[in-house]
């Protein structure tokens, strides 16, 4: 009985075939760009301000900035990060105004 064995697959043959494929040739790709600022910590802190619809929008912009960067859209991530910062600043200002108005009304209408 003559058993004929098949030739075993050599791992280096598979690796060399994969290394030569155009999908794995990363020499001509652009270098990794550092992640733009997304102001996630600032937007989380603004969630403690009493301007709830506005600060939630800032948080959503910040998370969308991270998602855009992960998808490779660097310009979109920068734009969304800048929008997150502007909306977070607006949320802080609105929150301080709400607190100031509340304190003004509280201390001018109540007798000591």
PDB file of N, CA and C in Angstrom:
ATOM      1  N   UNK A   1       0.845  -1.157   0.000  1.00  0.00           N
ATOM      2  CA  UNK A   1       0.000   0.000   0.000  1.00  0.00           C
ATOM      3  C   UNK A   1       0.893   1.223   0.000  1.00  0.00           C
ATOM      4  N   UNK A   2       0.701   2.041  -0.974  1.00  0.00           N
ATOM      5  CA  UNK A   2       1.537   3.223  -1.132  1.00  0.00           C
ATOM      6  C   UNK A   2       0.722   4.453  -0.747  1.00  0.00           C
ATOM      7  N   UNK A   3       1.037   5.022   0.383  1.00  0.00           N
ATOM      8  CA  UNK A   3       0.346   6.232   0.829  1.00  0.00           C
ATOM      9  C   UNK A   3       1.140   7.435   0.370  1.00  0.00           C
ATOM     10  N   UNK A   4       0.492   8.239  -0.357  1.00  0.00           N
ATOM     11  CA  UNK A   4       1.169   9.422  -0.839  1.00  0.00           C
ATOM     12  C   UNK A   4       0.763  10.593   0.041  1.00  0.00           C
ATOM     13  N   UNK A   5       1.749  11.221   0.646  1.00  0.00           N
ATOM     14  CA  UNK A   5       1.477  12.342   1.543  1.00  0.00           C
ATOM     15  C   UNK A   5       1.535  13.636   0.758  1.00  0.00           C
ATOM     16  N   UNK A   6       0.616  14.513   1.097  1.00  0.00           N
ATOM     17  CA  UNK A   6       0.634  15.808   0.434  1.00  0.00           C
ATOM     18  C   UNK A   6       1.720  16.672   1.045  1.00  0.00           C
ATOM     19  N   UNK A   7       2.142  17.610   0.281  1.00  0.00           N
ATOM     20  CA  UNK A   7       3.205  18.511   0.730  1.00  0.00           C
ATOM     21  C   UNK A   7       2.634  19.447   1.799  1.00  0.00           C
ATOM     22  N   UNK A   8       3.279  19.582   2.942  1.00  0.00           N
ATOM     23  CA  UNK A   8       2.756  20.481   3.973  1.00  0.00           C
ATOM     24  C   UNK A   8       2.896  21.942   3.550  1.00  0.00           C
ATOM     25  N   UNK A   9       1.962  22.744   4.028  1.00  0.00           N
ATOM     26  CA  UNK A   9       1.992  24.165   3.731  1.00  0.00           C
ATOM     27  C   UNK A   9       3.066  24.812   4.596  1.00  0.00           C
ATOM     28  N   UNK A  10       3.935  25.510   3.956  1.00  0.00           N
ATOM     29  CA  UNK A  10       5.006  26.182   4.678  1.00  0.00           C
ATOM     30  C   UNK A  10       4.519  27.589   5.018  1.00  0.00           C
ATOM     31  N   UNK A  11       4.674  27.956   6.265  1.00  0.00           N
ATOM     32  CA  UNK A  11       4.171  29.240   6.746  1.00  0.00           C
ATOM     33  C   UNK A  11       4.868  30.403   6.044  1.00  0.00           C
ATOM     34  N   UNK A  12       6.123  30.272   5.738  1.00  0.00           N
ATOM     35  CA  UNK A  12       6.829  31.382   5.087  1.00  0.00           C
ATOM     36  C   UNK A  12       6.294  31.647   3.697  1.00  0.00           C
ATOM     37  N   UNK A  13       5.796  30.602   2.997  1.00  0.00           N
ATOM     38  CA  UNK A  13       5.201  30.816   1.681  1.00  0.00           C
ATOM     39  C   UNK A  13       3.933  31.662   1.790  1.00  0.00           C
ATOM     40  N   UNK A  14       3.132  31.396   2.807  1.00  0.00           N
ATOM     41  CA  UNK A  14       1.901  32.143   3.007  1.00  0.00           C
ATOM     42  C   UNK A  14       2.225  33.583   3.383  1.00  0.00           C
ATOM     43  N   UNK A  15       3.199  33.761   4.271  1.00  0.00           N
ATOM     44  CA  UNK A  15       3.569  35.104   4.686  1.00  0.00           C
ATOM     45  C   UNK A  15       4.131  35.913   3.531  1.00  0.00           C
ATOM     46  N   UNK A  16       4.951  35.303   2.699  1.00  0.00           N
ATOM     47  CA  UNK A  16       5.524  36.051   1.581  1.00  0.00           C
ATOM     48  C   UNK A  16       4.444  36.421   0.574  1.00  0.00           C
ATOM     49  N   UNK A  17       3.461  35.561   0.388  1.00  0.00           N
ATOM     50  CA  UNK A  17       2.366  35.882  -0.525  1.00  0.00           C
ATOM     51  C   UNK A  17       1.535  37.029   0.017  1.00  0.00           C
ATOM     52  N   UNK A  18       1.319  37.046   1.322  1.00  0.00           N
ATOM     53  CA  UNK A  18       0.557  38.131   1.918  1.00  0.00           C
ATOM     54  C   UNK A  18       1.345  39.439   1.911  1.00  0.00           C
ATOM     55  N   UNK A  19       2.637  39.350   2.123  1.00  0.00           N
ATOM     56  CA  UNK A  19       3.457  40.562   2.154  1.00  0.00           C
ATOM     57  C   UNK A  19       3.546  41.228   0.792  1.00  0.00           C
ATOM     58  N   UNK A  20       3.410  40.456  -0.266  1.00  0.00           N
ATOM     59  CA  UNK A  20       3.523  41.018  -1.606  1.00  0.00           C
ATOM     60  C   UNK A  20       2.195  41.516  -2.161  1.00  0.00           C
ATOM     61  N   UNK A  21       1.111  41.282  -1.468  1.00  0.00           N
ATOM     62  CA  UNK A  21      -0.180  41.719  -1.979  1.00  0.00           C
ATOM     63  C   UNK A  21      -0.319  43.231  -1.828  1.00  0.00           C
ATOM     64  N   UNK A  22      -1.055  43.890  -2.726  1.00  0.00           N
ATOM     65  CA  UNK A  22      -1.169  45.356  -2.660  1.00  0.00           C
ATOM     66  C   UNK A  22      -1.941  45.847  -1.441  1.00  0.00           C
ATOM     67  N   UNK A  23      -2.796  45.002  -0.872  1.00  0.00           N
ATOM     68  CA  UNK A  23      -3.560  45.434   0.292  1.00  0.00           C
ATOM     69  C   UNK A  23      -2.690  45.606   1.526  1.00  0.00           C
ATOM     70  N   UNK A  24      -1.624  44.848   1.602  1.00  0.00           N
ATOM     71  CA  UNK A  24      -0.764  44.926   2.782  1.00  0.00           C
ATOM     72  C   UNK A  24       0.443  45.818   2.567  1.00  0.00           C
ATOM     73  N   UNK A  25       0.579  46.403   1.406  1.00  0.00           N
ATOM     74  CA  UNK A  25       1.695  47.302   1.154  1.00  0.00           C
ATOM     75  C   UNK A  25       1.347  48.666   1.743  1.00  0.00           C
ATOM     76  N   UNK A  26       1.905  48.958   2.889  1.00  0.00           N
ATOM     77  CA  UNK A  26       1.576  50.195   3.598  1.00  0.00           C
ATOM     78  C   UNK A  26       2.701  51.214   3.523  1.00  0.00           C
ATOM     79  N   UNK A  27       3.683  50.975   2.662  1.00  0.00           N
ATOM     80  CA  UNK A  27       4.801  51.905   2.556  1.00  0.00           C
ATOM     81  C   UNK A  27       4.392  53.242   1.980  1.00  0.00           C
ATOM     82  N   UNK A  28       3.414  53.258   1.084  1.00  0.00           N
ATOM     83  CA  UNK A  28       3.030  54.501   0.429  1.00  0.00           C
ATOM     84  C   UNK A  28       1.895  55.225   1.141  1.00  0.00           C
ATOM     85  N   UNK A  29       1.434  54.710   2.274  1.00  0.00           N
ATOM     86  CA  UNK A  29       0.360  55.377   3.012  1.00  0.00           C
ATOM     87  C   UNK A  29       0.916  56.541   3.805  1.00  0.00           C
ATOM     88  N   UNK A  30       0.041  57.492   4.119  1.00  0.00           N
ATOM     89  CA  UNK A  30       0.429  58.648   4.907  1.00  0.00           C
ATOM     90  C   UNK A  30       0.685  58.224   6.353  1.00  0.00           C
ATOM     91  N   UNK A  31       1.578  58.906   7.021  1.00  0.00           N
ATOM     92  CA  UNK A  31       1.814  58.554   8.431  1.00  0.00           C
ATOM     93  C   UNK A  31       0.598  58.883   9.286  1.00  0.00           C
ATOM     94  N   UNK A  32       0.503  58.230  10.419  1.00  0.00           N
ATOM     95  CA  UNK A  32      -0.633  58.451  11.316  1.00  0.00           C
ATOM     96  C   UNK A  32      -0.644  59.886  11.823  1.00  0.00           C
ATOM     97  N   UNK A  33      -1.820  60.468  11.781  1.00  0.00           N
ATOM     98  CA  UNK A  33      -2.008  61.839  12.249  1.00  0.00           C
ATOM     99  C   UNK A  33      -2.447  61.768  13.708  1.00  0.00           C
ATOM    100  N   UNK A  34      -1.874  62.593  14.579  1.00  0.00           N
ATOM    101  CA  UNK A  34      -2.318  62.546  15.973  1.00  0.00           C
ATOM    102  C   UNK A  34      -3.781  62.960  16.087  1.00  0.00           C
ATOM    103  N   UNK A  35      -4.425  62.423  17.094  1.00  0.00           N
ATOM    104  CA  UNK A  35      -5.848  62.683  17.285  1.00  0.00           C
ATOM    105  C   UNK A  35      -6.083  64.146  17.649  1.00  0.00           C
ATOM    106  N   UNK A  36      -6.979  64.828  16.930  1.00  0.00           N
ATOM    107  CA  UNK A  36      -7.284  66.221  17.290  1.00  0.00           C
ATOM    108  C   UNK A  36      -8.043  66.276  18.606  1.00  0.00           C
ATOM    109  N   UNK A  37      -8.043  67.452  19.207  1.00  0.00           N
ATOM    110  CA  UNK A  37      -8.730  67.601  20.488  1.00  0.00           C
ATOM    111  C   UNK A  37     -10.223  67.391  20.306  1.00  0.00           C
ATOM    112  N   UNK A  38     -10.802  66.607  21.211  1.00  0.00           N
ATOM    113  CA  UNK A  38     -12.238  66.360  21.138  1.00  0.00           C
ATOM    114  C   UNK A  38     -12.969  66.946  22.347  1.00  0.00           C
ATOM    115  N   UNK A  39     -12.245  67.435  23.346  1.00  0.00           N
ATOM    116  CA  UNK A  39     -12.807  68.124  24.516  1.00  0.00           C
ATOM    117  C   UNK A  39     -13.823  67.263  25.253  1.00  0.00           C
ATOM    118  N   UNK A  40     -13.548  65.978  25.359  1.00  0.00           N
ATOM    119  CA  UNK A  40     -14.483  65.064  26.015  1.00  0.00           C
ATOM    120  C   UNK A  40     -14.618  65.375  27.505  1.00  0.00           C
ATOM    121  N   UNK A  41     -13.508  65.669  28.165  1.00  0.00           N
ATOM    122  CA  UNK A  41     -13.564  65.961  29.605  1.00  0.00           C
ATOM    123  C   UNK A  41     -14.367  67.243  29.850  1.00  0.00           C
ATOM    124  N   UNK A  42     -14.132  68.266  29.023  1.00  0.00           N
ATOM    125  CA  UNK A  42     -14.876  69.518  29.169  1.00  0.00           C
ATOM    126  C   UNK A  42     -16.369  69.295  28.978  1.00  0.00           C
ATOM    127  N   UNK A  43     -16.725  68.515  27.975  1.00  0.00           N
ATOM    128  CA  UNK A  43     -18.150  68.292  27.722  1.00  0.00           C
ATOM    129  C   UNK A  43     -18.791  67.444  28.808  1.00  0.00           C
ATOM    130  N   UNK A  44     -18.032  66.538  29.404  1.00  0.00           N
ATOM    131  CA  UNK A  44     -18.584  65.770  30.528  1.00  0.00           C
ATOM    132  C   UNK A  44     -18.808  66.687  31.719  1.00  0.00           C
ATOM    133  N   UNK A  45     -17.869  67.602  31.957  1.00  0.00           N
ATOM    134  CA  UNK A  45     -18.036  68.541  33.068  1.00  0.00           C
ATOM    135  C   UNK A  45     -19.207  69.492  32.846  1.00  0.00           C
ATOM    136  N   UNK A  46     -19.480  69.843  31.596  1.00  0.00           N
ATOM    137  CA  UNK A  46     -20.612  70.730  31.328  1.00  0.00           C
ATOM    138  C   UNK A  46     -21.948  70.045  31.585  1.00  0.00           C
ATOM    139  N   UNK A  47     -21.956  68.733  31.674  1.00  0.00           N
ATOM    140  CA  UNK A  47     -23.206  68.031  31.974  1.00  0.00           C
ATOM    141  C   UNK A  47     -23.703  68.342  33.380  1.00  0.00           C
ATOM    142  N   UNK A  48     -22.847  68.942  34.227  1.00  0.00           N
ATOM    143  CA  UNK A  48     -23.264  69.350  35.560  1.00  0.00           C
ATOM    144  C   UNK A  48     -23.845  70.762  35.576  1.00  0.00           C
ATOM    145  N   UNK A  49     -23.791  71.467  34.458  1.00  0.00           N
ATOM    146  CA  UNK A  49     -24.384  72.797  34.366  1.00  0.00           C
ATOM    147  C   UNK A  49     -25.883  72.665  34.095  1.00  0.00           C
ATOM    148  N   UNK A  50     -26.672  73.617  34.583  1.00  0.00           N
ATOM    149  CA  UNK A  50     -28.128  73.522  34.352  1.00  0.00           C
ATOM    150  C   UNK A  50     -28.539  74.059  32.985  1.00  0.00           C
ATOM    151  N   UNK A  51     -27.949  73.539  31.946  1.00  0.00           N
ATOM    152  CA  UNK A  51     -28.318  73.899  30.571  1.00  0.00           C
ATOM    153  C   UNK A  51     -28.406  72.601  29.773  1.00  0.00           C
ATOM    154  N   UNK A  52     -29.328  71.738  30.168  1.00  0.00           N
ATOM    155  CA  UNK A  52     -29.307  70.357  29.726  1.00  0.00           C
ATOM    156  C   UNK A  52     -29.401  70.107  28.227  1.00  0.00           C
ATOM    157  N   UNK A  53     -30.220  70.708  27.470  1.00  0.00           N
ATOM    158  CA  UNK A  53     -30.188  70.352  26.047  1.00  0.00           C
ATOM    159  C   UNK A  53     -28.878  70.764  25.373  1.00  0.00           C
ATOM    160  N   UNK A  54     -28.314  71.865  25.813  1.00  0.00           N
ATOM    161  CA  UNK A  54     -27.108  72.378  25.161  1.00  0.00           C
ATOM    162  C   UNK A  54     -25.898  71.514  25.508  1.00  0.00           C
ATOM    163  N   UNK A  55     -25.747  71.130  26.772  1.00  0.00           N
ATOM    164  CA  UNK A  55     -24.558  70.361  27.133  1.00  0.00           C
ATOM    165  C   UNK A  55     -24.608  68.928  26.606  1.00  0.00           C
ATOM    166  N   UNK A  56     -25.778  68.396  26.400  1.00  0.00           N
ATOM    167  CA  UNK A  56     -25.881  67.073  25.784  1.00  0.00           C
ATOM    168  C   UNK A  56     -25.443  67.147  24.318  1.00  0.00           C
ATOM    169  N   UNK A  57     -25.761  68.237  23.645  1.00  0.00           N
ATOM    170  CA  UNK A  57     -25.318  68.424  22.260  1.00  0.00           C
ATOM    171  C   UNK A  57     -23.794  68.509  22.206  1.00  0.00           C
ATOM    172  N   UNK A  58     -23.184  69.187  23.163  1.00  0.00           N
ATOM    173  CA  UNK A  58     -21.715  69.273  23.218  1.00  0.00           C
ATOM    174  C   UNK A  58     -21.110  67.888  23.405  1.00  0.00           C
ATOM    175  N   UNK A  59     -21.706  67.084  24.256  1.00  0.00           N
ATOM    176  CA  UNK A  59     -21.206  65.729  24.479  1.00  0.00           C
ATOM    177  C   UNK A  59     -21.335  64.882  23.212  1.00  0.00           C
ATOM    178  N   UNK A  60     -22.429  65.041  22.507  1.00  0.00           N
ATOM    179  CA  UNK A  60     -22.624  64.289  21.264  1.00  0.00           C
ATOM    180  C   UNK A  60     -21.591  64.710  20.221  1.00  0.00           C
ATOM    181  N   UNK A  61     -21.318  66.009  20.105  1.00  0.00           N
ATOM    182  CA  UNK A  61     -20.282  66.473  19.171  1.00  0.00           C
ATOM    183  C   UNK A  61     -18.925  65.883  19.523  1.00  0.00           C
ATOM    184  N   UNK A  62     -18.616  65.814  20.795  1.00  0.00           N
ATOM    185  CA  UNK A  62     -17.329  65.276  21.229  1.00  0.00           C
ATOM    186  C   UNK A  62     -17.198  63.798  20.880  1.00  0.00           C
ATOM    187  N   UNK A  63     -18.233  63.040  21.123  1.00  0.00           N
ATOM    188  CA  UNK A  63     -18.203  61.613  20.798  1.00  0.00           C
ATOM    189  C   UNK A  63     -18.158  61.406  19.285  1.00  0.00           C
ATOM    190  N   UNK A  64     -18.870  62.241  18.545  1.00  0.00           N
ATOM    191  CA  UNK A  64     -18.829  62.155  17.081  1.00  0.00           C
ATOM    192  C   UNK A  64     -17.436  62.491  16.554  1.00  0.00           C
ATOM    193  N   UNK A  65     -16.727  63.380  17.237  1.00  0.00           N
ATOM    194  CA  UNK A  65     -15.361  63.710  16.852  1.00  0.00           C
ATOM    195  C   UNK A  65     -14.451  62.496  16.995  1.00  0.00           C
ATOM    196  N   UNK A  66     -14.605  61.772  18.086  1.00  0.00           N
ATOM    197  CA  UNK A  66     -13.804  60.557  18.290  1.00  0.00           C
ATOM    198  C   UNK A  66     -14.137  59.521  17.221  1.00  0.00           C
ATOM    199  N   UNK A  67     -15.418  59.370  16.925  1.00  0.00           N
ATOM    200  CA  UNK A  67     -15.837  58.408  15.911  1.00  0.00           C
ATOM    201  C   UNK A  67     -15.298  58.787  14.528  1.00  0.00           C
ATOM    202  N   UNK A  68     -15.335  60.068  14.194  1.00  0.00           N
ATOM    203  CA  UNK A  68     -14.824  60.513  12.898  1.00  0.00           C
ATOM    204  C   UNK A  68     -13.331  60.246  12.777  1.00  0.00           C
ATOM    205  N   UNK A  69     -12.597  60.468  13.849  1.00  0.00           N
ATOM    206  CA  UNK A  69     -11.161  60.189  13.821  1.00  0.00           C
ATOM    207  C   UNK A  69     -10.909  58.698  13.615  1.00  0.00           C
ATOM    208  N   UNK A  70     -11.666  57.862  14.292  1.00  0.00           N
ATOM    209  CA  UNK A  70     -11.498  56.422  14.146  1.00  0.00           C
ATOM    210  C   UNK A  70     -11.854  55.941  12.746  1.00  0.00           C
ATOM    211  N   UNK A  71     -12.741  56.657  12.074  1.00  0.00           N
ATOM    212  CA  UNK A  71     -13.106  56.315  10.699  1.00  0.00           C
ATOM    213  C   UNK A  71     -12.105  56.871   9.684  1.00  0.00           C
ATOM    214  N   UNK A  72     -11.181  57.715  10.137  1.00  0.00           N
ATOM    215  CA  UNK A  72     -10.167  58.257   9.246  1.00  0.00           C
ATOM    216  C   UNK A  72     -10.457  59.650   8.741  1.00  0.00           C
ATOM    217  N   UNK A  73     -11.545  60.250   9.167  1.00  0.00           N
ATOM    218  CA  UNK A  73     -11.916  61.601   8.739  1.00  0.00           C
ATOM    219  C   UNK A  73     -11.299  62.608   9.718  1.00  0.00           C
ATOM    220  N   UNK A  74     -10.072  63.024   9.425  1.00  0.00           N
ATOM    221  CA  UNK A  74      -9.342  63.914  10.326  1.00  0.00           C
ATOM    222  C   UNK A  74      -9.961  65.310  10.335  1.00  0.00           C
ATOM    223  N   UNK A  75     -10.295  65.825   9.172  1.00  0.00           N
ATOM    224  CA  UNK A  75     -10.889  67.162   9.093  1.00  0.00           C
ATOM    225  C   UNK A  75     -12.249  67.208   9.787  1.00  0.00           C
ATOM    226  N   UNK A  76     -13.044  66.175   9.608  1.00  0.00           N
ATOM    227  CA  UNK A  76     -14.330  66.107  10.284  1.00  0.00           C
ATOM    228  C   UNK A  76     -14.175  66.015  11.791  1.00  0.00           C
ATOM    229  N   UNK A  77     -13.161  65.286  12.245  1.00  0.00           N
ATOM    230  CA  UNK A  77     -12.906  65.174  13.680  1.00  0.00           C
ATOM    231  C   UNK A  77     -12.483  66.524  14.253  1.00  0.00           C
ATOM    232  N   UNK A  78     -11.671  67.271  13.514  1.00  0.00           N
ATOM    233  CA  UNK A  78     -11.272  68.605  13.984  1.00  0.00           C
ATOM    234  C   UNK A  78     -12.465  69.539  14.048  1.00  0.00           C
ATOM    235  N   UNK A  79     -13.300  69.496  13.024  1.00  0.00           N
ATOM    236  CA  UNK A  79     -14.479  70.366  12.979  1.00  0.00           C
ATOM    237  C   UNK A  79     -15.452  70.034  14.107  1.00  0.00           C
ATOM    238  N   UNK A  80     -15.693  68.758  14.316  1.00  0.00           N
ATOM    239  CA  UNK A  80     -16.616  68.356  15.377  1.00  0.00           C
ATOM    240  C   UNK A  80     -16.042  68.648  16.760  1.00  0.00           C
ATOM    241  N   UNK A  81     -14.730  68.511  16.919  1.00  0.00           N
ATOM    242  CA  UNK A  81     -14.102  68.856  18.190  1.00  0.00           C
ATOM    243  C   UNK A  81     -14.211  70.339  18.492  1.00  0.00           C
ATOM    244  N   UNK A  82     -14.025  71.162  17.453  1.00  0.00           N
ATOM    245  CA  UNK A  82     -14.171  72.616  17.630  1.00  0.00           C
ATOM    246  C   UNK A  82     -15.619  72.963  17.971  1.00  0.00           C
ATOM    247  N   UNK A  83     -16.565  72.318  17.309  1.00  0.00           N
ATOM    248  CA  UNK A  83     -17.982  72.550  17.629  1.00  0.00           C
ATOM    249  C   UNK A  83     -18.304  72.116  19.050  1.00  0.00           C
ATOM    250  N   UNK A  84     -17.721  71.004  19.492  1.00  0.00           N
ATOM    251  CA  UNK A  84     -17.944  70.536  20.862  1.00  0.00           C
ATOM    252  C   UNK A  84     -17.440  71.562  21.858  1.00  0.00           C
ATOM    253  N   UNK A  85     -16.271  72.143  21.587  1.00  0.00           N
ATOM    254  CA  UNK A  85     -15.725  73.152  22.493  1.00  0.00           C
ATOM    255  C   UNK A  85     -16.620  74.389  22.535  1.00  0.00           C
ATOM    256  N   UNK A  86     -17.068  74.865  21.386  1.00  0.00           N
ATOM    257  CA  UNK A  86     -17.903  76.066  21.347  1.00  0.00           C
ATOM    258  C   UNK A  86     -19.252  75.839  22.044  1.00  0.00           C
ATOM    259  N   UNK A  87     -19.845  74.694  21.814  1.00  0.00           N
ATOM    260  CA  UNK A  87     -21.131  74.403  22.450  1.00  0.00           C
ATOM    261  C   UNK A  87     -20.939  74.195  23.959  1.00  0.00           C
ATOM    262  N   UNK A  88     -19.796  73.611  24.365  1.00  0.00           N
ATOM    263  CA  UNK A  88     -19.522  73.441  25.795  1.00  0.00           C
ATOM    264  C   UNK A  88     -19.347  74.799  26.469  1.00  0.00           C
ATOM    265  N   UNK A  89     -18.657  75.717  25.820  1.00  0.00           N
ATOM    266  CA  UNK A  89     -18.501  77.066  26.376  1.00  0.00           C
ATOM    267  C   UNK A  89     -19.857  77.757  26.472  1.00  0.00           C
ATOM    268  N   UNK A  90     -20.675  77.615  25.433  1.00  0.00           N
ATOM    269  CA  UNK A  90     -22.029  78.183  25.477  1.00  0.00           C
ATOM    270  C   UNK A  90     -22.838  77.560  26.603  1.00  0.00           C
ATOM    271  N   UNK A  91     -22.678  76.281  26.842  1.00  0.00           N
ATOM    272  CA  UNK A  91     -23.387  75.608  27.919  1.00  0.00           C
ATOM    273  C   UNK A  91     -22.957  76.141  29.280  1.00  0.00           C
ATOM    274  N   UNK A  92     -21.669  76.375  29.449  1.00  0.00           N
ATOM    275  CA  UNK A  92     -21.175  76.928  30.717  1.00  0.00           C
ATOM    276  C   UNK A  92     -21.740  78.328  30.939  1.00  0.00           C
ATOM    277  N   UNK A  93     -21.730  79.140  29.897  1.00  0.00           N
ATOM    278  CA  UNK A  93     -22.255  80.506  30.021  1.00  0.00           C
ATOM    279  C   UNK A  93     -23.750  80.479  30.334  1.00  0.00           C
ATOM    280  N   UNK A  94     -24.497  79.648  29.634  1.00  0.00           N
ATOM    281  CA  UNK A  94     -25.931  79.537  29.887  1.00  0.00           C
ATOM    282  C   UNK A  94     -26.181  79.024  31.309  1.00  0.00           C
ATOM    283  N   UNK A  95     -25.405  78.051  31.747  1.00  0.00           N
ATOM    284  CA  UNK A  95     -25.555  77.528  33.096  1.00  0.00           C
ATOM    285  C   UNK A  95     -25.281  78.577  34.157  1.00  0.00           C
ATOM    286  N   UNK A  96     -24.229  79.383  33.951  1.00  0.00           N
ATOM    287  CA  UNK A  96     -23.935  80.458  34.907  1.00  0.00           C
ATOM    288  C   UNK A  96     -25.036  81.513  34.912  1.00  0.00           C
ATOM    289  N   UNK A  97     -25.593  81.817  33.745  1.00  0.00           N
ATOM    290  CA  UNK A  97     -26.706  82.767  33.683  1.00  0.00           C
ATOM    291  C   UNK A  97     -27.942  82.226  34.403  1.00  0.00           C
ATOM    292  N   UNK A  98     -28.240  80.955  34.234  1.00  0.00           N
ATOM    293  CA  UNK A  98     -29.384  80.358  34.913  1.00  0.00           C
ATOM    294  C   UNK A  98     -29.186  80.409  36.424  1.00  0.00           C
ATOM    295  N   UNK A  99     -27.977  80.099  36.878  1.00  0.00           N
ATOM    296  CA  UNK A  99     -27.692  80.156  38.312  1.00  0.00           C
ATOM    297  C   UNK A  99     -27.799  81.586  38.826  1.00  0.00           C
ATOM    298  N   UNK A 100     -27.269  82.553  38.074  1.00  0.00           N
ATOM    299  CA  UNK A 100     -27.333  83.948  38.499  1.00  0.00           C
ATOM    300  C   UNK A 100     -28.771  84.452  38.557  1.00  0.00           C
ATOM    301  N   UNK A 101     -29.572  84.106  37.579  1.00  0.00           N
ATOM    302  CA  UNK A 101     -30.977  84.524  37.580  1.00  0.00           C
ATOM    303  C   UNK A 101     -31.724  83.875  38.735  1.00  0.00           C
ATOM    304  N   UNK A 102     -31.473  82.603  38.972  1.00  0.00           N
ATOM    305  CA  UNK A 102     -32.126  81.914  40.081  1.00  0.00           C
ATOM    306  C   UNK A 102     -31.761  82.561  41.420  1.00  0.00           C
ATOM    307  N   UNK A 103     -30.482  82.828  41.626  1.00  0.00           N
ATOM    308  CA  UNK A 103     -30.065  83.439  42.888  1.00  0.00           C
ATOM    309  C   UNK A 103     -30.611  84.852  43.042  1.00  0.00           C
ATOM    310  N   UNK A 104     -30.649  85.600  41.954  1.00  0.00           N
ATOM    311  CA  UNK A 104     -31.186  86.958  42.005  1.00  0.00           C
ATOM    312  C   UNK A 104     -32.665  86.930  42.375  1.00  0.00           C
ATOM    313  N   UNK A 105     -33.416  86.076  41.727  1.00  0.00           N
ATOM    314  CA  UNK A 105     -34.847  85.974  42.025  1.00  0.00           C
ATOM    315  C   UNK A 105     -35.059  85.459  43.448  1.00  0.00           C
ATOM    316  N   UNK A 106     -34.280  84.501  43.843  1.00  0.00           N
ATOM    317  CA  UNK A 106     -34.448  83.917  45.171  1.00  0.00           C
ATOM    318  C   UNK A 106     -34.176  84.948  46.274  1.00  0.00           C
ATOM    319  N   UNK A 107     -33.088  85.670  46.165  1.00  0.00           N
ATOM    320  CA  UNK A 107     -32.720  86.593  47.246  1.00  0.00           C
ATOM    321  C   UNK A 107     -33.464  87.930  47.178  1.00  0.00           C
ATOM    322  N   UNK A 108     -34.073  88.275  46.063  1.00  0.00           N
ATOM    323  CA  UNK A 108     -34.838  89.539  46.011  1.00  0.00           C
ATOM    324  C   UNK A 108     -36.311  89.330  46.355  1.00  0.00           C
ATOM    325  N   UNK A 109     -36.833  88.145  46.250  1.00  0.00           N
ATOM    326  CA  UNK A 109     -38.252  87.933  46.540  1.00  0.00           C
ATOM    327  C   UNK A 109     -38.499  87.363  47.920  1.00  0.00           C
ATOM    328  N   UNK A 110     -37.513  86.742  48.525  1.00  0.00           N
ATOM    329  CA  UNK A 110     -37.688  86.175  49.863  1.00  0.00           C
ATOM    330  C   UNK A 110     -37.174  87.135  50.918  1.00  0.00           C
ATOM    331  N   UNK A 111     -37.940  87.252  51.994  1.00  0.00           N
ATOM    332  CA  UNK A 111     -37.515  88.113  53.084  1.00  0.00           C
ATOM    333  C   UNK A 111     -36.650  87.329  54.056  1.00  0.00           C
ATOM    334  N   UNK A 112     -35.717  87.989  54.628  1.00  0.00           N
ATOM    335  CA  UNK A 112     -34.821  87.330  55.577  1.00  0.00           C
ATOM    336  C   UNK A 112     -35.413  87.248  56.926  1.00  0.00           C
TER     337      UNK A 112
END
